[in-house]
Amino acid sequence: LRIETTAPAGTSHRLGLATRPPLLEVMPNPLTGSWATARSTLLEPGPATLNLYDITGRPLLRQTLNHGLQPALPLNLAALNPGVYLLRLEAGDTTATCKIVKQPR
């Protein structure tokens, strides 16, 4: 993210703001196919749980993984109907959630 301001004399000043990557993201999103990839930027390796919920909070998938050894995890979402879902990663004291949108083909 870059914010530019112009000083009264016409000189330009740039202020660069560092942004932190999301703890959990899914690509592609929105999804029209069957497969997506979940990526996490959690730094601490160790056990983690990945849960997928429908928009009402009903659990659809639960997978235990060793974070750090699996920073990118393929997700087969072929059985899901078009709609909005929530993917939640729990690792130690850290929890990250992201929204997944599955669109019709």
PDB file of N, CA and C in Angstrom:
ATOM      1  N   LEU A   1       0.855  -1.172   0.000  1.00  0.00           N
ATOM      2  CA  LEU A   1       0.000   0.000   0.000  1.00  0.00           C
ATOM      3  C   LEU A   1       0.884   1.212   0.000  1.00  0.00           C
ATOM      4  N   ARG A   2       0.622   2.138  -0.893  1.00  0.00           N
ATOM      5  CA  ARG A   2       1.398   3.360  -0.950  1.00  0.00           C
ATOM      6  C   ARG A   2       0.431   4.529  -0.910  1.00  0.00           C
ATOM      7  N   ILE A   3       0.725   5.478  -0.040  1.00  0.00           N
ATOM      8  CA  ILE A   3      -0.070   6.695   0.048  1.00  0.00           C
ATOM      9  C   ILE A   3       0.811   7.832  -0.416  1.00  0.00           C
ATOM     10  N   GLU A   4       0.320   8.617  -1.362  1.00  0.00           N
ATOM     11  CA  GLU A   4       1.089   9.750  -1.843  1.00  0.00           C
ATOM     12  C   GLU A   4       0.410  11.039  -1.418  1.00  0.00           C
ATOM     13  N   THR A   5       1.229  11.972  -0.964  1.00  0.00           N
ATOM     14  CA  THR A   5       0.728  13.303  -0.638  1.00  0.00           C
ATOM     15  C   THR A   5       1.543  14.303  -1.428  1.00  0.00           C
ATOM     16  N   THR A   6       0.964  15.412  -1.709  1.00  0.00           N
ATOM     17  CA  THR A   6       1.680  16.457  -2.427  1.00  0.00           C
ATOM     18  C   THR A   6       1.828  17.657  -1.520  1.00  0.00           C
ATOM     19  N   ALA A   7       3.064  18.110  -1.356  1.00  0.00           N
ATOM     20  CA  ALA A   7       3.337  19.290  -0.534  1.00  0.00           C
ATOM     21  C   ALA A   7       2.896  20.534  -1.293  1.00  0.00           C
ATOM     22  N   PRO A   8       2.629  21.616  -0.598  1.00  0.00           N
ATOM     23  CA  PRO A   8       2.165  22.831  -1.268  1.00  0.00           C
ATOM     24  C   PRO A   8       3.089  23.322  -2.360  1.00  0.00           C
ATOM     25  N   ALA A   9       4.393  23.094  -2.230  1.00  0.00           N
ATOM     26  CA  ALA A   9       5.328  23.567  -3.252  1.00  0.00           C
ATOM     27  C   ALA A   9       5.334  22.663  -4.471  1.00  0.00           C
ATOM     28  N   GLY A  10       4.527  21.601  -4.454  1.00  0.00           N
ATOM     29  CA  GLY A  10       4.463  20.710  -5.604  1.00  0.00           C
ATOM     30  C   GLY A  10       5.386  19.516  -5.503  1.00  0.00           C
ATOM     31  N   THR A  11       6.119  19.362  -4.397  1.00  0.00           N
ATOM     32  CA  THR A  11       6.984  18.205  -4.231  1.00  0.00           C
ATOM     33  C   THR A  11       6.157  17.036  -3.714  1.00  0.00           C
ATOM     34  N   SER A  12       6.528  15.847  -4.101  1.00  0.00           N
ATOM     35  CA  SER A  12       5.781  14.648  -3.733  1.00  0.00           C
ATOM     36  C   SER A  12       6.472  13.927  -2.592  1.00  0.00           C
ATOM     37  N   HIS A  13       5.682  13.494  -1.601  1.00  0.00           N
ATOM     38  CA  HIS A  13       6.180  12.679  -0.489  1.00  0.00           C
ATOM     39  C   HIS A  13       5.493  11.333  -0.564  1.00  0.00           C
ATOM     40  N   ARG A  14       6.235  10.272  -0.318  1.00  0.00           N
ATOM     41  CA  ARG A  14       5.657   8.930  -0.332  1.00  0.00           C
ATOM     42  C   ARG A  14       5.758   8.321   1.052  1.00  0.00           C
ATOM     43  N   LEU A  15       4.679   7.713   1.465  1.00  0.00           N
ATOM     44  CA  LEU A  15       4.644   7.037   2.747  1.00  0.00           C
ATOM     45  C   LEU A  15       4.284   5.587   2.466  1.00  0.00           C
ATOM     46  N   GLY A  16       5.216   4.678   2.659  1.00  0.00           N
ATOM     47  CA  GLY A  16       4.952   3.259   2.425  1.00  0.00           C
ATOM     48  C   GLY A  16       4.518   2.605   3.723  1.00  0.00           C
ATOM     49  N   LEU A  17       3.388   1.960   3.714  1.00  0.00           N
ATOM     50  CA  LEU A  17       2.885   1.262   4.888  1.00  0.00           C
ATOM     51  C   LEU A  17       3.041  -0.233   4.674  1.00  0.00           C
ATOM     52  N   ALA A  18       3.690  -0.895   5.584  1.00  0.00           N
ATOM     53  CA  ALA A  18       3.878  -2.341   5.477  1.00  0.00           C
ATOM     54  C   ALA A  18       2.578  -3.038   5.880  1.00  0.00           C
ATOM     55  N   THR A  19       2.176  -4.001   5.095  1.00  0.00           N
ATOM     56  CA  THR A  19       1.005  -4.801   5.431  1.00  0.00           C
ATOM     57  C   THR A  19       1.457  -6.219   5.673  1.00  0.00           C
ATOM     58  N   ARG A  20       0.848  -6.850   6.645  1.00  0.00           N
ATOM     59  CA  ARG A  20       1.182  -8.228   6.993  1.00  0.00           C
ATOM     60  C   ARG A  20       0.319  -9.154   6.149  1.00  0.00           C
ATOM     61  N   PRO A  21       0.888 -10.238   5.609  1.00  0.00           N
ATOM     62  CA  PRO A  21       0.061 -11.183   4.849  1.00  0.00           C
ATOM     63  C   PRO A  21      -0.963 -11.843   5.768  1.00  0.00           C
ATOM     64  N   PRO A  22      -2.082 -12.276   5.213  1.00  0.00           N
ATOM     65  CA  PRO A  22      -3.097 -12.926   6.045  1.00  0.00           C
ATOM     66  C   PRO A  22      -2.565 -14.231   6.633  1.00  0.00           C
ATOM     67  N   LEU A  23      -3.045 -14.590   7.818  1.00  0.00           N
ATOM     68  CA  LEU A  23      -2.624 -15.844   8.441  1.00  0.00           C
ATOM     69  C   LEU A  23      -3.127 -17.050   7.666  1.00  0.00           C
ATOM     70  N   LEU A  24      -4.265 -16.887   6.984  1.00  0.00           N
ATOM     71  CA  LEU A  24      -4.858 -17.988   6.224  1.00  0.00           C
ATOM     72  C   LEU A  24      -5.519 -17.417   4.988  1.00  0.00           C
ATOM     73  N   GLU A  25      -5.248 -18.014   3.844  1.00  0.00           N
ATOM     74  CA  GLU A  25      -5.916 -17.613   2.613  1.00  0.00           C
ATOM     75  C   GLU A  25      -6.156 -18.839   1.744  1.00  0.00           C
ATOM     76  N   VAL A  26      -7.144 -18.730   0.885  1.00  0.00           N
ATOM     77  CA  VAL A  26      -7.500 -19.806  -0.037  1.00  0.00           C
ATOM     78  C   VAL A  26      -7.455 -19.245  -1.443  1.00  0.00           C
ATOM     79  N   MET A  27      -6.811 -19.995  -2.325  1.00  0.00           N
ATOM     80  CA  MET A  27      -6.708 -19.584  -3.729  1.00  0.00           C
ATOM     81  C   MET A  27      -7.127 -20.740  -4.611  1.00  0.00           C
ATOM     82  N   PRO A  28      -7.863 -20.571  -5.667  1.00  0.00           N
ATOM     83  CA  PRO A  28      -8.523 -19.324  -6.021  1.00  0.00           C
ATOM     84  C   PRO A  28      -9.739 -19.088  -5.130  1.00  0.00           C
ATOM     85  N   ASN A  29     -10.127 -17.861  -5.029  1.00  0.00           N
ATOM     86  CA  ASN A  29     -11.290 -17.490  -4.233  1.00  0.00           C
ATOM     87  C   ASN A  29     -11.849 -16.192  -4.792  1.00  0.00           C
ATOM     88  N   PRO A  30     -13.008 -16.203  -5.435  1.00  0.00           N
ATOM     89  CA  PRO A  30     -13.998 -17.284  -5.456  1.00  0.00           C
ATOM     90  C   PRO A  30     -13.539 -18.462  -6.310  1.00  0.00           C
ATOM     91  N   LEU A  31     -14.138 -19.589  -6.015  1.00  0.00           N
ATOM     92  CA  LEU A  31     -13.796 -20.871  -6.626  1.00  0.00           C
ATOM     93  C   LEU A  31     -14.930 -21.306  -7.548  1.00  0.00           C
ATOM     94  N   THR A  32     -14.593 -21.731  -8.750  1.00  0.00           N
ATOM     95  CA  THR A  32     -15.605 -22.287  -9.652  1.00  0.00           C
ATOM     96  C   THR A  32     -15.350 -23.759  -9.940  1.00  0.00           C
ATOM     97  N   GLY A  33     -14.161 -24.238  -9.661  1.00  0.00           N
ATOM     98  CA  GLY A  33     -13.818 -25.638  -9.918  1.00  0.00           C
ATOM     99  C   GLY A  33     -13.936 -26.482  -8.668  1.00  0.00           C
ATOM    100  N   SER A  34     -13.183 -27.571  -8.647  1.00  0.00           N
ATOM    101  CA  SER A  34     -13.239 -28.525  -7.551  1.00  0.00           C
ATOM    102  C   SER A  34     -12.113 -28.364  -6.544  1.00  0.00           C
ATOM    103  N   TRP A  35     -10.979 -27.807  -6.965  1.00  0.00           N
ATOM    104  CA  TRP A  35      -9.796 -27.770  -6.111  1.00  0.00           C
ATOM    105  C   TRP A  35      -9.397 -26.349  -5.765  1.00  0.00           C
ATOM    106  N   ALA A  36      -8.964 -26.182  -4.522  1.00  0.00           N
ATOM    107  CA  ALA A  36      -8.406 -24.920  -4.054  1.00  0.00           C
ATOM    108  C   ALA A  36      -7.190 -25.261  -3.195  1.00  0.00           C
ATOM    109  N   THR A  37      -6.396 -24.248  -2.891  1.00  0.00           N
ATOM    110  CA  THR A  37      -5.230 -24.435  -2.043  1.00  0.00           C
ATOM    111  C   THR A  37      -5.331 -23.490  -0.859  1.00  0.00           C
ATOM    112  N   ALA A  38      -5.219 -24.036   0.339  1.00  0.00           N
ATOM    113  CA  ALA A  38      -5.178 -23.229   1.560  1.00  0.00           C
ATOM    114  C   ALA A  38      -3.717 -22.990   1.904  1.00  0.00           C
ATOM    115  N   ARG A  39      -3.386 -21.746   2.175  1.00  0.00           N
ATOM    116  CA  ARG A  39      -2.019 -21.375   2.550  1.00  0.00           C
ATOM    117  C   ARG A  39      -2.059 -20.624   3.870  1.00  0.00           C
ATOM    118  N   SER A  40      -1.054 -20.894   4.689  1.00  0.00           N
ATOM    119  CA  SER A  40      -0.964 -20.239   5.985  1.00  0.00           C
ATOM    120  C   SER A  40       0.407 -19.608   6.142  1.00  0.00           C
ATOM    121  N   THR A  41       0.435 -18.470   6.824  1.00  0.00           N
ATOM    122  CA  THR A  41       1.703 -17.800   7.094  1.00  0.00           C
ATOM    123  C   THR A  41       2.086 -17.904   8.564  1.00  0.00           C
ATOM    124  N   LEU A  42       1.488 -18.849   9.281  1.00  0.00           N
ATOM    125  CA  LEU A  42       1.880 -19.066  10.670  1.00  0.00           C
ATOM    126  C   LEU A  42       3.349 -19.469  10.711  1.00  0.00           C
ATOM    127  N   LEU A  43       4.084 -18.886  11.597  1.00  0.00           N
ATOM    128  CA  LEU A  43       5.526 -19.110  11.624  1.00  0.00           C
ATOM    129  C   LEU A  43       5.936 -20.312  12.458  1.00  0.00           C
ATOM    130  N   GLU A  44       5.189 -20.619  13.481  1.00  0.00           N
ATOM    131  CA  GLU A  44       5.554 -21.707  14.374  1.00  0.00           C
ATOM    132  C   GLU A  44       5.127 -23.061  13.811  1.00  0.00           C
ATOM    133  N   PRO A  45       6.062 -23.980  13.594  1.00  0.00           N
ATOM    134  CA  PRO A  45       5.664 -25.320  13.155  1.00  0.00           C
ATOM    135  C   PRO A  45       5.021 -26.090  14.304  1.00  0.00           C
ATOM    136  N   GLY A  46       4.166 -27.025  13.962  1.00  0.00           N
ATOM    137  CA  GLY A  46       3.527 -27.845  14.973  1.00  0.00           C
ATOM    138  C   GLY A  46       2.168 -28.320  14.514  1.00  0.00           C
ATOM    139  N   PRO A  47       1.459 -29.025  15.375  1.00  0.00           N
ATOM    140  CA  PRO A  47       0.148 -29.559  14.990  1.00  0.00           C
ATOM    141  C   PRO A  47      -0.870 -28.442  14.806  1.00  0.00           C
ATOM    142  N   ALA A  48      -1.756 -28.653  13.852  1.00  0.00           N
ATOM    143  CA  ALA A  48      -2.819 -27.687  13.563  1.00  0.00           C
ATOM    144  C   ALA A  48      -4.049 -28.450  13.107  1.00  0.00           C
ATOM    145  N   THR A  49      -5.205 -27.803  13.219  1.00  0.00           N
ATOM    146  CA  THR A  49      -6.461 -28.386  12.767  1.00  0.00           C
ATOM    147  C   THR A  49      -7.108 -27.429  11.786  1.00  0.00           C
ATOM    148  N   LEU A  50      -7.553 -27.974  10.676  1.00  0.00           N
ATOM    149  CA  LEU A  50      -8.243 -27.206   9.656  1.00  0.00           C
ATOM    150  C   LEU A  50      -9.692 -27.671   9.630  1.00  0.00           C
ATOM    151  N   ASN A  51     -10.620 -26.730   9.797  1.00  0.00           N
ATOM    152  CA  ASN A  51     -12.050 -27.042   9.810  1.00  0.00           C
ATOM    153  C   ASN A  51     -12.757 -26.228   8.741  1.00  0.00           C
ATOM    154  N   LEU A  52     -13.698 -26.857   8.056  1.00  0.00           N
ATOM    155  CA  LEU A  52     -14.516 -26.177   7.064  1.00  0.00           C
ATOM    156  C   LEU A  52     -15.959 -26.219   7.531  1.00  0.00           C
ATOM    157  N   TYR A  53     -16.615 -25.049   7.515  1.00  0.00           N
ATOM    158  CA  TYR A  53     -18.001 -24.929   7.969  1.00  0.00           C
ATOM    159  C   TYR A  53     -18.843 -24.305   6.866  1.00  0.00           C
ATOM    160  N   ASP A  54     -20.126 -24.681   6.820  1.00  0.00           N
ATOM    161  CA  ASP A  54     -21.032 -23.943   5.942  1.00  0.00           C
ATOM    162  C   ASP A  54     -21.400 -22.642   6.654  1.00  0.00           C
ATOM    163  N   ILE A  55     -22.166 -21.804   5.990  1.00  0.00           N
ATOM    164  CA  ILE A  55     -22.458 -20.482   6.527  1.00  0.00           C
ATOM    165  C   ILE A  55     -23.301 -20.539   7.805  1.00  0.00           C
ATOM    166  N   THR A  56     -23.963 -21.665   8.058  1.00  0.00           N
ATOM    167  CA  THR A  56     -24.742 -21.803   9.287  1.00  0.00           C
ATOM    168  C   THR A  56     -23.888 -22.313  10.450  1.00  0.00           C
ATOM    169  N   GLY A  57     -22.623 -22.648  10.188  1.00  0.00           N
ATOM    170  CA  GLY A  57     -21.733 -23.147  11.233  1.00  0.00           C
ATOM    171  C   GLY A  57     -21.666 -24.654  11.321  1.00  0.00           C
ATOM    172  N   ARG A  58     -22.339 -25.342  10.403  1.00  0.00           N
ATOM    173  CA  ARG A  58     -22.314 -26.808  10.396  1.00  0.00           C
ATOM    174  C   ARG A  58     -20.949 -27.281   9.902  1.00  0.00           C
ATOM    175  N   PRO A  59     -20.262 -28.140  10.670  1.00  0.00           N
ATOM    176  CA  PRO A  59     -18.946 -28.625  10.242  1.00  0.00           C
ATOM    177  C   PRO A  59     -19.062 -29.572   9.047  1.00  0.00           C
ATOM    178  N   LEU A  60     -18.187 -29.371   8.068  1.00  0.00           N
ATOM    179  CA  LEU A  60     -18.195 -30.193   6.859  1.00  0.00           C
ATOM    180  C   LEU A  60     -16.908 -30.994   6.695  1.00  0.00           C
ATOM    181  N   LEU A  61     -15.811 -30.483   7.236  1.00  0.00           N
ATOM    182  CA  LEU A  61     -14.508 -31.130   7.060  1.00  0.00           C
ATOM    183  C   LEU A  61     -13.651 -30.800   8.265  1.00  0.00           C
ATOM    184  N   ARG A  62     -12.897 -31.791   8.718  1.00  0.00           N
ATOM    185  CA  ARG A  62     -11.922 -31.573   9.792  1.00  0.00           C
ATOM    186  C   ARG A  62     -10.674 -32.349   9.423  1.00  0.00           C
ATOM    187  N   GLN A  63      -9.556 -31.656   9.407  1.00  0.00           N
ATOM    188  CA  GLN A  63      -8.307 -32.304   9.038  1.00  0.00           C
ATOM    189  C   GLN A  63      -7.204 -31.835   9.986  1.00  0.00           C
ATOM    190  N   THR A  64      -6.457 -32.791  10.523  1.00  0.00           N
ATOM    191  CA  THR A  64      -5.315 -32.481  11.370  1.00  0.00           C
ATOM    192  C   THR A  64      -4.072 -32.511  10.503  1.00  0.00           C
ATOM    193  N   LEU A  65      -3.205 -31.532  10.696  1.00  0.00           N
ATOM    194  CA  LEU A  65      -1.994 -31.475   9.895  1.00  0.00           C
ATOM    195  C   LEU A  65      -0.846 -30.982  10.750  1.00  0.00           C
ATOM    196  N   ASN A  66       0.350 -31.135  10.243  1.00  0.00           N
ATOM    197  CA  ASN A  66       1.535 -30.643  10.929  1.00  0.00           C
ATOM    198  C   ASN A  66       1.956 -29.375  10.231  1.00  0.00           C
ATOM    199  N   HIS A  67       1.561 -28.240  10.811  1.00  0.00           N
ATOM    200  CA  HIS A  67       1.864 -26.964  10.191  1.00  0.00           C
ATOM    201  C   HIS A  67       3.366 -26.742  10.182  1.00  0.00           C
ATOM    202  N   GLY A  68       3.848 -26.162   9.139  1.00  0.00           N
ATOM    203  CA  GLY A  68       5.293 -25.995   8.960  1.00  0.00           C
ATOM    204  C   GLY A  68       5.798 -27.013   7.966  1.00  0.00           C
ATOM    205  N   LEU A  69       5.258 -28.229   8.041  1.00  0.00           N
ATOM    206  CA  LEU A  69       5.588 -29.238   7.034  1.00  0.00           C
ATOM    207  C   LEU A  69       4.611 -29.165   5.872  1.00  0.00           C
ATOM    208  N   GLN A  70       3.439 -28.574   6.094  1.00  0.00           N
ATOM    209  CA  GLN A  70       2.413 -28.436   5.064  1.00  0.00           C
ATOM    210  C   GLN A  70       1.932 -26.988   5.006  1.00  0.00           C
ATOM    211  N   PRO A  71       2.755 -26.051   4.521  1.00  0.00           N
ATOM    212  CA  PRO A  71       2.304 -24.662   4.472  1.00  0.00           C
ATOM    213  C   PRO A  71       1.212 -24.433   3.423  1.00  0.00           C
ATOM    214  N   ALA A  72       1.135 -25.313   2.420  1.00  0.00           N
ATOM    215  CA  ALA A  72       0.084 -25.237   1.404  1.00  0.00           C
ATOM    216  C   ALA A  72      -0.630 -26.584   1.380  1.00  0.00           C
ATOM    217  N   LEU A  73      -1.947 -26.530   1.481  1.00  0.00           N
ATOM    218  CA  LEU A  73      -2.727 -27.753   1.559  1.00  0.00           C
ATOM    219  C   LEU A  73      -3.792 -27.763   0.472  1.00  0.00           C
ATOM    220  N   PRO A  74      -3.763 -28.750  -0.438  1.00  0.00           N
ATOM    221  CA  PRO A  74      -4.819 -28.825  -1.456  1.00  0.00           C
ATOM    222  C   PRO A  74      -6.141 -29.243  -0.816  1.00  0.00           C
ATOM    223  N   LEU A  75      -7.218 -28.600  -1.244  1.00  0.00           N
ATOM    224  CA  LEU A  75      -8.557 -28.901  -0.740  1.00  0.00           C
ATOM    225  C   LEU A  75      -9.437 -29.355  -1.887  1.00  0.00           C
ATOM    226  N   ASN A  76     -10.013 -30.539  -1.769  1.00  0.00           N
ATOM    227  CA  ASN A  76     -10.971 -31.017  -2.762  1.00  0.00           C
ATOM    228  C   ASN A  76     -12.353 -30.565  -2.304  1.00  0.00           C
ATOM    229  N   LEU A  77     -12.907 -29.582  -2.987  1.00  0.00           N
ATOM    230  CA  LEU A  77     -14.197 -29.005  -2.626  1.00  0.00           C
ATOM    231  C   LEU A  77     -15.269 -29.344  -3.660  1.00  0.00           C
ATOM    232  N   ALA A  78     -15.062 -30.439  -4.387  1.00  0.00           N
ATOM    233  CA  ALA A  78     -15.999 -30.829  -5.449  1.00  0.00           C
ATOM    234  C   ALA A  78     -17.388 -31.131  -4.909  1.00  0.00           C
ATOM    235  N   ALA A  79     -17.484 -31.641  -3.687  1.00  0.00           N
ATOM    236  CA  ALA A  79     -18.786 -32.037  -3.141  1.00  0.00           C
ATOM    237  C   ALA A  79     -19.604 -30.847  -2.633  1.00  0.00           C
ATOM    238  N   LEU A  80     -19.003 -29.667  -2.575  1.00  0.00           N
ATOM    239  CA  LEU A  80     -19.715 -28.506  -2.050  1.00  0.00           C
ATOM    240  C   LEU A  80     -20.620 -27.876  -3.093  1.00  0.00           C
ATOM    241  N   ASN A  81     -21.803 -27.484  -2.661  1.00  0.00           N
ATOM    242  CA  ASN A  81     -22.701 -26.712  -3.518  1.00  0.00           C
ATOM    243  C   ASN A  81     -22.216 -25.273  -3.577  1.00  0.00           C
ATOM    244  N   PRO A  82     -22.599 -24.530  -4.592  1.00  0.00           N
ATOM    245  CA  PRO A  82     -22.251 -23.107  -4.612  1.00  0.00           C
ATOM    246  C   PRO A  82     -22.756 -22.428  -3.338  1.00  0.00           C
ATOM    247  N   GLY A  83     -21.941 -21.561  -2.785  1.00  0.00           N
ATOM    248  CA  GLY A  83     -22.314 -20.860  -1.568  1.00  0.00           C
ATOM    249  C   GLY A  83     -21.100 -20.299  -0.857  1.00  0.00           C
ATOM    250  N   VAL A  84     -21.306 -19.877   0.383  1.00  0.00           N
ATOM    251  CA  VAL A  84     -20.256 -19.283   1.200  1.00  0.00           C
ATOM    252  C   VAL A  84     -19.900 -20.248   2.323  1.00  0.00           C
ATOM    253  N   TYR A  85     -18.603 -20.432   2.528  1.00  0.00           N
ATOM    254  CA  TYR A  85     -18.092 -21.352   3.536  1.00  0.00           C
ATOM    255  C   TYR A  85     -17.017 -20.650   4.350  1.00  0.00           C
ATOM    256  N   LEU A  86     -16.745 -21.163   5.527  1.00  0.00           N
ATOM    257  CA  LEU A  86     -15.689 -20.619   6.380  1.00  0.00           C
ATOM    258  C   LEU A  86     -14.642 -21.692   6.646  1.00  0.00           C
ATOM    259  N   LEU A  87     -13.397 -21.344   6.426  1.00  0.00           N
ATOM    260  CA  LEU A  87     -12.283 -22.241   6.696  1.00  0.00           C
ATOM    261  C   LEU A  87     -11.553 -21.687   7.909  1.00  0.00           C
ATOM    262  N   ARG A  88     -11.344 -22.541   8.908  1.00  0.00           N
ATOM    263  CA  ARG A  88     -10.738 -22.106  10.171  1.00  0.00           C
ATOM    264  C   ARG A  88      -9.515 -22.957  10.460  1.00  0.00           C
ATOM    265  N   LEU A  89      -8.413 -22.306  10.745  1.00  0.00           N
ATOM    266  CA  LEU A  89      -7.165 -22.970  11.103  1.00  0.00           C
ATOM    267  C   LEU A  89      -6.877 -22.681  12.567  1.00  0.00           C
ATOM    268  N   GLU A  90      -6.645 -23.730  13.345  1.00  0.00           N
ATOM    269  CA  GLU A  90      -6.301 -23.590  14.757  1.00  0.00           C
ATOM    270  C   GLU A  90      -4.940 -24.233  14.976  1.00  0.00           C
ATOM    271  N   ALA A  91      -4.013 -23.432  15.478  1.00  0.00           N
ATOM    272  CA  ALA A  91      -2.656 -23.921  15.746  1.00  0.00           C
ATOM    273  C   ALA A  91      -2.187 -23.296  17.042  1.00  0.00           C
ATOM    274  N   GLY A  92      -2.110 -24.089  18.101  1.00  0.00           N
ATOM    275  CA  GLY A  92      -1.711 -23.558  19.403  1.00  0.00           C
ATOM    276  C   GLY A  92      -2.703 -22.508  19.873  1.00  0.00           C
ATOM    277  N   ASP A  93      -2.205 -21.324  20.186  1.00  0.00           N
ATOM    278  CA  ASP A  93      -3.048 -20.225  20.640  1.00  0.00           C
ATOM    279  C   ASP A  93      -3.566 -19.361  19.495  1.00  0.00           C
ATOM    280  N   THR A  94      -3.219 -19.715  18.269  1.00  0.00           N
ATOM    281  CA  THR A  94      -3.581 -18.903  17.117  1.00  0.00           C
ATOM    282  C   THR A  94      -4.735 -19.527  16.351  1.00  0.00           C
ATOM    283  N   THR A  95      -5.691 -18.681  15.994  1.00  0.00           N
ATOM    284  CA  THR A  95      -6.825 -19.106  15.174  1.00  0.00           C
ATOM    285  C   THR A  95      -6.959 -18.122  14.024  1.00  0.00           C
ATOM    286  N   ALA A  96      -7.138 -18.644  12.824  1.00  0.00           N
ATOM    287  CA  ALA A  96      -7.343 -17.806  11.644  1.00  0.00           C
ATOM    288  C   ALA A  96      -8.532 -18.354  10.871  1.00  0.00           C
ATOM    289  N   THR A  97      -9.354 -17.467  10.358  1.00  0.00           N
ATOM    290  CA  THR A  97     -10.544 -17.854   9.598  1.00  0.00           C
ATOM    291  C   THR A  97     -10.573 -17.073   8.293  1.00  0.00           C
ATOM    292  N   CYS A  98     -10.973 -17.742   7.223  1.00  0.00           N
ATOM    293  CA  CYS A  98     -11.181 -17.032   5.963  1.00  0.00           C
ATOM    294  C   CYS A  98     -12.450 -17.546   5.306  1.00  0.00           C
ATOM    295  N   LYS A  99     -13.028 -16.694   4.519  1.00  0.00           N
ATOM    296  CA  LYS A  99     -14.267 -17.005   3.806  1.00  0.00           C
ATOM    297  C   LYS A  99     -13.920 -17.594   2.443  1.00  0.00           C
ATOM    298  N   ILE A 100     -14.629 -18.637   2.054  1.00  0.00           N
ATOM    299  CA  ILE A 100     -14.495 -19.242   0.730  1.00  0.00           C
ATOM    300  C   ILE A 100     -15.832 -19.077   0.025  1.00  0.00           C
ATOM    301  N   VAL A 101     -15.788 -18.607  -1.194  1.00  0.00           N
ATOM    302  CA  VAL A 101     -16.995 -18.483  -2.003  1.00  0.00           C
ATOM    303  C   VAL A 101     -16.876 -19.475  -3.152  1.00  0.00           C
ATOM    304  N   LYS A 102     -17.837 -20.398  -3.239  1.00  0.00           N
ATOM    305  CA  LYS A 102     -17.876 -21.336  -4.366  1.00  0.00           C
ATOM    306  C   LYS A 102     -19.004 -20.891  -5.277  1.00  0.00           C
ATOM    307  N   GLN A 103     -18.645 -20.611  -6.515  1.00  0.00           N
ATOM    308  CA  GLN A 103     -19.608 -20.151  -7.506  1.00  0.00           C
ATOM    309  C   GLN A 103     -19.989 -21.297  -8.432  1.00  0.00           C
ATOM    310  N   PRO A 104     -21.177 -21.199  -9.037  1.00  0.00           N
ATOM    311  CA  PRO A 104     -21.535 -22.234 -10.008  1.00  0.00           C
ATOM    312  C   PRO A 104     -20.627 -22.154 -11.233  1.00  0.00           C
ATOM    313  N   ARG A 105     -20.448 -23.274 -11.884  1.00  0.00           N
ATOM    314  CA  ARG A 105     -19.617 -23.317 -13.100  1.00  0.00           C
ATOM    315  C   ARG A 105     -20.282 -22.590 -14.221  1.00  0.00           C
TER     316      ARG A 105
END
